C-alpha atoms as a PDB file:
ATOM      1  CA  MET A   1      88.769  97.283 107.043  1.00  0.00           C
ATOM      2  CA  THR A   2      88.570 101.060 105.098  1.00  0.00           C
ATOM      3  CA  THR A   3      88.372 103.797 108.067  1.00  0.00           C
ATOM      4  CA  LYS A   4      86.141 106.560 106.470  1.00  0.00           C
ATOM      5  CA  SER A   5      88.196 109.489 108.125  1.00  0.00           C
ATOM      6  CA  LEU A   6      91.169 108.224 106.595  1.00  0.00           C
ATOM      7  CA  ILE A   7      89.994 108.022 102.932  1.00  0.00           C
ATOM      8  CA  GLY A   8      90.987 110.786 100.703  1.00  0.00           C
ATOM      9  CA  LYS A   9      94.395 110.978 102.012  1.00  0.00           C
ATOM     10  CA  THR A  10      97.859 111.204 100.294  1.00  0.00           C
ATOM     11  CA  VAL A  11     100.236 108.697 100.915  1.00  0.00           C
ATOM     12  CA  LEU A  12     103.648 108.952  99.072  1.00  0.00           C
ATOM     13  CA  VAL A  13     105.671 105.984  98.932  1.00  0.00           C
ATOM     14  CA  VAL A  14     109.479 106.127  98.728  1.00  0.00           C
ATOM     15  CA  GLU A  15     111.229 102.809  98.185  1.00  0.00           C
ATOM     16  CA  ASP A  16     113.950 101.854  95.939  1.00  0.00           C
ATOM     17  CA  ASP A  17     112.801  98.174  95.790  1.00  0.00           C
ATOM     18  CA  PRO A  18     109.544  97.922  93.256  1.00  0.00           C
ATOM     19  CA  LYS A  19     108.509  94.621  94.325  1.00  0.00           C
ATOM     20  CA  ILE A  20     107.743  96.626  97.960  1.00  0.00           C
ATOM     21  CA  ARG A  21     106.300  99.569  96.451  1.00  0.00           C
ATOM     22  CA  GLU A  22     103.826  97.842  94.752  1.00  0.00           C
ATOM     23  CA  LEU A  23     102.708  95.693  97.761  1.00  0.00           C
ATOM     24  CA  LEU A  24     102.161  98.899  99.906  1.00  0.00           C
ATOM     25  CA  LYS A  25     100.560 100.216  96.677  1.00  0.00           C
ATOM     26  CA  ILE A  26      98.157  97.279  96.740  1.00  0.00           C
ATOM     27  CA  TYR A  27      97.499  97.770 100.572  1.00  0.00           C
ATOM     28  CA  LEU A  28      97.471 101.182 100.711  1.00  0.00           C
ATOM     29  CA  THR A  29      94.867 101.707  97.622  1.00  0.00           C
ATOM     30  CA  LYS A  30      92.551  98.744  99.585  1.00  0.00           C
ATOM     31  CA  GLU A  31      92.338 101.041 102.874  1.00  0.00           C
ATOM     32  CA  GLY A  32      90.845 104.410 100.320  1.00  0.00           C
ATOM     33  CA  TYR A  33      94.561 106.324 100.121  1.00  0.00           C
ATOM     34  CA  GLU A  34      95.534 107.992  97.296  1.00  0.00           C
ATOM     35  CA  VAL A  35      98.838 106.701  96.513  1.00  0.00           C
ATOM     36  CA  SER A  36     101.930 108.023  94.686  1.00  0.00           C
ATOM     37  CA  GLU A  37     105.283 106.210  94.620  1.00  0.00           C
ATOM     38  CA  ALA A  38     108.988 107.188  94.369  1.00  0.00           C
ATOM     39  CA  GLY A  39     112.268 104.897  93.476  1.00  0.00           C
ATOM     40  CA  ASN A  40     114.781 107.129  94.402  1.00  0.00           C
ATOM     41  CA  GLY A  41     115.733 110.386  96.286  1.00  0.00           C
ATOM     42  CA  THR A  42     115.918 112.797  93.399  1.00  0.00           C
ATOM     43  CA  ASP A  43     112.160 111.554  92.347  1.00  0.00           C
ATOM     44  CA  ALA A  44     111.217 111.434  95.825  1.00  0.00           C
ATOM     45  CA  LYS A  45     111.528 115.390  95.817  1.00  0.00           C
ATOM     46  CA  MET A  46     110.325 116.249  93.400  1.00  0.00           C
ATOM     47  CA  LYS A  47     106.721 114.129  94.126  1.00  0.00           C
ATOM     48  CA  ILE A  48     106.750 116.065  97.475  1.00  0.00           C
ATOM     49  CA  GLU A  49     107.281 119.239  96.267  1.00  0.00           C
ATOM     50  CA  GLU A  50     104.220 118.343  93.749  1.00  0.00           C
ATOM     51  CA  LEU A  51     102.195 116.700  95.678  1.00  0.00           C
ATOM     52  CA  ASP A  52     102.479 118.195  99.121  1.00  0.00           C
ATOM     53  CA  PRO A  53     101.149 114.896 100.805  1.00  0.00           C
ATOM     54  CA  CYS A  54      99.523 113.887 104.206  1.00  0.00           C
ATOM     55  CA  ILE A  55     102.386 111.287 105.153  1.00  0.00           C
ATOM     56  CA  VAL A  56     105.847 109.760 103.816  1.00  0.00           C
ATOM     57  CA  ILE A  57     106.586 106.486 103.761  1.00  0.00           C
ATOM     58  CA  LEU A  58     110.648 106.644 103.243  1.00  0.00           C
ATOM     59  CA  ASP A  59     112.763 104.155 103.030  1.00  0.00           C
ATOM     60  CA  LEU A  60     116.690 105.283 104.312  1.00  0.00           C
ATOM     61  CA  MET A  61     118.696 103.508 101.552  1.00  0.00           C
ATOM     62  CA  LEU A  62     117.741 104.776  98.467  1.00  0.00           C
ATOM     63  CA  PRO A  63     119.987 106.001  95.064  1.00  0.00           C
ATOM     64  CA  GLU A  64     120.720 109.178  94.705  1.00  0.00           C
ATOM     65  CA  ILE A  65     119.737 110.938  97.802  1.00  0.00           C
ATOM     66  CA  SER A  66     119.438 109.293 101.139  1.00  0.00           C
ATOM     67  CA  GLY A  67     116.164 109.051 103.045  1.00  0.00           C
ATOM     68  CA  GLU A  68     118.053 110.483 105.808  1.00  0.00           C
ATOM     69  CA  GLU A  69     118.854 113.711 103.761  1.00  0.00           C
ATOM     70  CA  ILE A  70     115.386 113.357 102.397  1.00  0.00           C
ATOM     71  CA  CYS A  71     113.693 113.976 105.698  1.00  0.00           C
ATOM     72  CA  ARG A  72     116.366 116.938 106.612  1.00  0.00           C
ATOM     73  CA  TRP A  73     115.484 118.211 103.531  1.00  0.00           C
ATOM     74  CA  ILE A  74     111.833 118.541 104.292  1.00  0.00           C
ATOM     75  CA  ARG A  75     112.238 119.350 107.870  1.00  0.00           C
ATOM     76  CA  GLU A  76     114.626 122.111 107.611  1.00  0.00           C
ATOM     77  CA  ASP A  77     114.419 123.622 103.675  1.00  0.00           C
ATOM     78  CA  LEU A  78     110.283 123.272 103.411  1.00  0.00           C
ATOM     79  CA  LYS A  79     110.123 123.576 106.979  1.00  0.00           C
ATOM     80  CA  SER A  80     107.108 121.331 106.270  1.00  0.00           C
ATOM     81  CA  MET A  81     105.533 119.245 109.352  1.00  0.00           C
ATOM     82  CA  MET A  82     104.228 116.212 106.911  1.00  0.00           C
ATOM     83  CA  PRO A  83     104.160 113.272 108.906  1.00  0.00           C
ATOM     84  CA  ILE A  84     106.995 111.067 107.626  1.00  0.00           C
ATOM     85  CA  ILE A  85     107.567 106.947 108.529  1.00  0.00           C
ATOM     86  CA  MET A  86     110.798 106.101 108.113  1.00  0.00           C
ATOM     87  CA  LEU A  87     111.597 102.254 106.404  1.00  0.00           C
ATOM     88  CA  THR A  88     114.911 101.151 107.470  1.00  0.00           C
ATOM     89  CA  ALA A  89     116.938  97.603 108.000  1.00  0.00           C
ATOM     90  CA  LYS A  90     118.677  99.102 110.583  1.00  0.00           C
ATOM     91  CA  ALA A  91     117.286  97.735 114.260  1.00  0.00           C
ATOM     92  CA  SER A  92     119.257  99.144 116.728  1.00  0.00           C
ATOM     93  CA  GLU A  93     118.404 102.014 119.377  1.00  0.00           C
ATOM     94  CA  LYS A  94     120.921 104.292 117.755  1.00  0.00           C
ATOM     95  CA  SER A  95     119.618 104.205 114.481  1.00  0.00           C
ATOM     96  CA  ARG A  96     116.105 104.703 116.076  1.00  0.00           C
ATOM     97  CA  ILE A  97     116.669 107.562 118.340  1.00  0.00           C
ATOM     98  CA  GLN A  98     118.853 109.248 114.585  1.00  0.00           C
ATOM     99  CA  GLY A  99     115.525 108.845 113.011  1.00  0.00           C
ATOM    100  CA  PHE A 100     113.543 110.451 114.929  1.00  0.00           C
ATOM    101  CA  LYS A 101     116.019 113.451 115.856  1.00  0.00           C
ATOM    102  CA  LEU A 102     115.850 113.734 111.825  1.00  0.00           C
ATOM    103  CA  GLY A 103     111.520 114.366 112.590  1.00  0.00           C
ATOM    104  CA  ALA A 104     110.367 110.962 111.684  1.00  0.00           C
ATOM    105  CA  ASP A 105     106.879 110.532 113.471  1.00  0.00           C
ATOM    106  CA  ASP A 106     107.641 106.501 113.489  1.00  0.00           C
ATOM    107  CA  TYR A 107     110.282 104.107 112.276  1.00  0.00           C
ATOM    108  CA  VAL A 108     109.515 100.707 110.913  1.00  0.00           C
ATOM    109  CA  VAL A 109     112.254  98.036 110.815  1.00  0.00           C
ATOM    110  CA  LYS A 110     112.721  95.600 107.814  1.00  0.00           C
ATOM    111  CA  PRO A 111     111.012  93.037 107.508  1.00  0.00           C
ATOM    112  CA  PHE A 112     108.123  94.097 108.375  1.00  0.00           C
ATOM    113  CA  SER A 113     104.061  93.144 107.977  1.00  0.00           C
ATOM    114  CA  PRO A 114     102.055  95.178 105.553  1.00  0.00           C
ATOM    115  CA  GLY A 115      99.412  94.954 107.934  1.00  0.00           C
ATOM    116  CA  GLU A 116     101.214  96.187 110.899  1.00  0.00           C
ATOM    117  CA  LEU A 117     102.635  99.303 108.608  1.00  0.00           C
ATOM    118  CA  MET A 118      99.200 100.268 107.705  1.00  0.00           C
ATOM    119  CA  GLY A 119      98.205 100.485 111.322  1.00  0.00           C
ATOM    120  CA  ARG A 120     101.007 102.649 112.040  1.00  0.00           C
ATOM    121  CA  VAL A 121     100.345 105.109 109.144  1.00  0.00           C
ATOM    122  CA  GLU A 122      96.528 105.012 110.380  1.00  0.00           C
ATOM    123  CA  ALA A 123      97.767 105.763 113.898  1.00  0.00           C
ATOM    124  CA  VAL A 124     100.119 108.904 112.667  1.00  0.00           C
ATOM    125  CA  LEU A 125      97.499 110.358 110.846  1.00  0.00           C
ATOM    126  CA  ARG A 126      94.796 110.294 113.380  1.00  0.00           C
ATOM    127  CA  ARG A 127      97.544 112.619 115.442  1.00  0.00           C
ATOM    128  CA  THR A 128      98.809 114.622 113.074  1.00  0.00           C
ATOM    129  CA  SER A 129      95.304 115.163 111.082  1.00  0.00           C
ATOM    130  CA  SER A 130      96.093 118.937 111.257  1.00  0.00           C
ATOM    131  CA  ARG A 131      99.437 118.630 109.359  1.00  0.00           C
ATOM    132  CA  CYS A 132      97.576 116.776 106.326  1.00  0.00           C
ATOM    133  CA  GLY A 133      98.904 118.455 102.761  1.00  0.00           C
ATOM    134  CA  LYS A 134      96.215 117.759 101.061  1.00  0.00           C
ATOM    135  CA  LEU A 135      92.901 115.615 100.521  1.00  0.00           C
ATOM    136  CA  SER A 136      91.847 114.307  97.332  1.00  0.00           C
ATOM    137  CA  PHE A 137      88.566 112.732  96.480  1.00  0.00           C
ATOM    138  CA  THR A 138      87.316 112.117  92.911  1.00  0.00           C
ATOM    139  CA  GLY A 139      87.510 115.874  91.277  1.00  0.00           C
ATOM    140  CA  PHE A 140      87.780 117.446  94.661  1.00  0.00           C
ATOM    141  CA  THR A 141      91.006 118.555  96.263  1.00  0.00           C
ATOM    142  CA  ILE A 142      91.610 120.716  99.141  1.00  0.00           C
ATOM    143  CA  LYS A 143      94.928 122.033 100.277  1.00  0.00           C
ATOM    144  CA  PRO A 144      94.620 123.512 103.863  1.00  0.00           C
ATOM    145  CA  ALA A 145      98.088 124.823 104.127  1.00  0.00           C
ATOM    146  CA  LYS A 146      98.029 126.747 101.564  1.00  0.00           C
ATOM    147  CA  GLY A 147      93.786 127.616 101.376  1.00  0.00           C
ATOM    148  CA  GLN A 148      93.362 126.256  98.231  1.00  0.00           C
ATOM    149  CA  ALA A 149      90.088 124.422  97.042  1.00  0.00           C
ATOM    150  CA  LEU A 150      90.048 123.014  93.745  1.00  0.00           C
ATOM    151  CA  ILE A 151      87.026 120.999  91.757  1.00  0.00           C
ATOM    152  CA  ASN A 152      88.698 119.760  88.368  1.00  0.00           C
ATOM    153  CA  GLY A 153      91.747 121.948  89.037  1.00  0.00           C
ATOM    154  CA  GLU A 154      89.388 125.056  89.212  1.00  0.00           C
ATOM    155  CA  GLN A 155      89.781 126.999  92.090  1.00  0.00           C
ATOM    156  CA  LEU A 156      86.729 127.624  94.448  1.00  0.00           C
ATOM    157  CA  GLU A 157      86.408 131.297  95.865  1.00  0.00           C
ATOM    158  CA  LEU A 158      85.712 130.613  99.694  1.00  0.00           C
ATOM    159  CA  THR A 159      85.448 132.728 102.999  1.00  0.00           C
ATOM    160  CA  GLN A 160      87.462 131.784 105.704  1.00  0.00           C
ATOM    161  CA  PHE A 161      84.647 129.975 107.344  1.00  0.00           C
ATOM    162  CA  GLU A 162      83.493 128.259 104.351  1.00  0.00           C
ATOM    163  CA  PHE A 163      87.003 127.170 103.781  1.00  0.00           C
ATOM    164  CA  LYS A 164      86.749 125.843 107.386  1.00  0.00           C
ATOM    165  CA  LEU A 165      83.387 124.286 106.859  1.00  0.00           C
ATOM    166  CA  LEU A 166      85.042 122.174 103.796  1.00  0.00           C
ATOM    167  CA  HIS A 167      88.014 121.255 105.641  1.00  0.00           C
ATOM    168  CA  THR A 168      85.957 119.638 108.242  1.00  0.00           C
ATOM    169  CA  PHE A 169      83.377 118.262 105.835  1.00  0.00           C
ATOM    170  CA  MET A 170      86.482 116.288 103.805  1.00  0.00           C
ATOM    171  CA  ASN A 171      87.824 115.387 107.232  1.00  0.00           C
ATOM    172  CA  HIS A 172      84.854 113.176 108.074  1.00  0.00           C
ATOM    173  CA  PRO A 173      84.146 111.760 104.412  1.00  0.00           C
ATOM    174  CA  ASP A 174      81.136 109.897 104.168  1.00  0.00           C
ATOM    175  CA  GLN A 175      79.793 110.603 108.144  1.00  0.00           C
ATOM    176  CA  VAL A 176      77.115 112.520 109.156  1.00  0.00           C
ATOM    177  CA  LEU A 177      77.693 115.429 110.803  1.00  0.00           C
ATOM    178  CA  SER A 178      75.522 117.269 113.310  1.00  0.00           C
ATOM    179  CA  ARG A 179      75.647 120.978 113.410  1.00  0.00           C
ATOM    180  CA  GLU A 180      77.022 120.922 117.081  1.00  0.00           C
ATOM    181  CA  GLN A 181      79.458 118.518 116.126  1.00  0.00           C
ATOM    182  CA  ILE A 182      80.905 120.831 112.885  1.00  0.00           C
ATOM    183  CA  LEU A 183      80.909 123.691 115.098  1.00  0.00           C
ATOM    184  CA  THR A 184      83.306 121.681 117.587  1.00  0.00           C
ATOM    185  CA  PHE A 185      85.658 120.427 114.968  1.00  0.00           C
ATOM    186  CA  ILE A 186      85.873 123.971 113.664  1.00  0.00           C
ATOM    187  CA  TYR A 187      86.341 126.332 116.925  1.00  0.00           C
ATOM    188  CA  GLN A 188      87.856 123.234 118.752  1.00  0.00           C
ATOM    189  CA  ASN A 189      88.455 125.223 122.628  1.00  0.00           C
ATOM    190  CA  ASN A 190      88.558 128.732 121.184  1.00  0.00           C
ATOM    191  CA  GLU A 191      84.816 131.247 121.535  1.00  0.00           C
ATOM    192  CA  ARG A 192      82.429 130.342 118.946  1.00  0.00           C
ATOM    193  CA  VAL A 193      81.197 133.557 116.481  1.00  0.00           C
ATOM    194  CA  VAL A 194      78.893 131.639 114.995  1.00  0.00           C
ATOM    195  CA  SER A 195      75.502 129.743 116.299  1.00  0.00           C
ATOM    196  CA  ASP A 196      74.073 126.346 115.078  1.00  0.00           C
ATOM    197  CA  ARG A 197      71.595 128.320 113.929  1.00  0.00           C
ATOM    198  CA  THR A 198      73.323 130.390 111.491  1.00  0.00           C
ATOM    199  CA  ILE A 199      75.572 127.596 110.274  1.00  0.00           C
ATOM    200  CA  ASP A 200      72.849 126.279 107.802  1.00  0.00           C
ATOM    201  CA  VAL A 201      73.435 129.569 105.764  1.00  0.00           C
ATOM    202  CA  HIS A 202      77.087 129.251 105.091  1.00  0.00           C
ATOM    203  CA  ILE A 203      76.452 125.745 104.239  1.00  0.00           C
ATOM    204  CA  LYS A 204      74.289 126.763 101.733  1.00  0.00           C
ATOM    205  CA  HIS A 205      76.548 129.638 100.523  1.00  0.00           C
ATOM    206  CA  LEU A 206      79.161 126.720 100.150  1.00  0.00           C
ATOM    207  CA  ARG A 207      76.877 124.541  98.389  1.00  0.00           C
ATOM    208  CA  GLU A 208      76.068 127.020  96.355  1.00  0.00           C
ATOM    209  CA  LYS A 209      79.557 127.603  95.264  1.00  0.00           C
ATOM    210  CA  ILE A 210      79.922 123.929  94.799  1.00  0.00           C
ATOM    211  CA  LYS A 211      77.636 123.831  92.469  1.00  0.00           C
ATOM    212  CA  GLU A 212      78.795 126.725  89.936  1.00  0.00           C
ATOM    213  CA  LYS A 213      81.531 124.629  89.404  1.00  0.00           C
ATOM    214  CA  THR A 214      80.191 120.370  88.950  1.00  0.00           C
ATOM    215  CA  PRO A 215      76.854 119.202  89.445  1.00  0.00           C
ATOM    216  CA  LYS A 216      77.562 116.571  91.676  1.00  0.00           C
ATOM    217  CA  ASP A 217      76.100 117.409  95.168  1.00  0.00           C
ATOM    218  CA  TYR A 218      79.310 116.752  97.228  1.00  0.00           C
ATOM    219  CA  ILE A 219      77.081 118.361 100.786  1.00  0.00           C
ATOM    220  CA  GLN A 220      74.351 116.497 101.714  1.00  0.00           C
ATOM    221  CA  THR A 221      71.313 117.113 104.390  1.00  0.00           C
ATOM    222  CA  VAL A 222      70.403 113.724 106.270  1.00  0.00           C
ATOM    223  CA  ARG A 223      67.450 115.188 107.522  1.00  0.00           C
ATOM    224  CA  GLY A 224      66.913 115.176 111.346  1.00  0.00           C
ATOM    225  CA  MET A 225      70.608 114.581 111.930  1.00  0.00           C
ATOM    226  CA  GLY A 226      72.781 116.991 110.330  1.00  0.00           C
ATOM    227  CA  TYR A 227      75.245 117.371 107.005  1.00  0.00           C
ATOM    228  CA  LYS A 228      77.177 114.925 104.892  1.00  0.00           C
ATOM    229  CA  PHE A 229      80.026 114.925 102.760  1.00  0.00           C
ATOM    230  CA  VAL A 230      79.729 112.782 100.056  1.00  0.00           C
ATOM    231  CA  ALA A 231      83.176 111.638  98.657  1.00  0.00           C
ATOM    232  CA  ILE A 232      82.255 108.713  96.397  1.00  0.00           C
END
């Protein structure tokens, strides 16, 4: 069953075995993820820089550049905290410890159950949601770390608060959010500077900017309840 809060998140599968890649793509796509693939370390580095994915499923034994080197490159050279799940045939405790020292968020030993791996992906994404590099829906992409929002490749010019609003909506696709919930997601434990009465004005401005780029009404009002970002 698809978890709506995970729809639109980008997953990069780095695996040299095409059968395993295809199997994972089928399962991930079914769960609503946007899936990209790489079959060797060189392609993996190119895809990571191009896509800035929400999570990387990374085989350690890769042609050209090893998974260990890719992981080290992500953490040390890119200075990125994008979530990484390592796939490996090495089941020893020493290997697992080494994987975590390199910066992996989880470690899955082959052979594995695709269902179990989907659960691991969901669990990692839930606890690392703020580290997601990109959220993508049909024609709509947001890159939180870069402060970019794109519709059909064209950039939206948003205020800081409008960007936070959009990020909140896209992190909770197809879910009705009350004004109080929206403000809680935006401010978390920080002092609020916007009230639930004025948030309607900010949402109105955000919707107007989106409608300048596309006729689709992504943000809909649910009478008596709040607002909903329509992803599909």
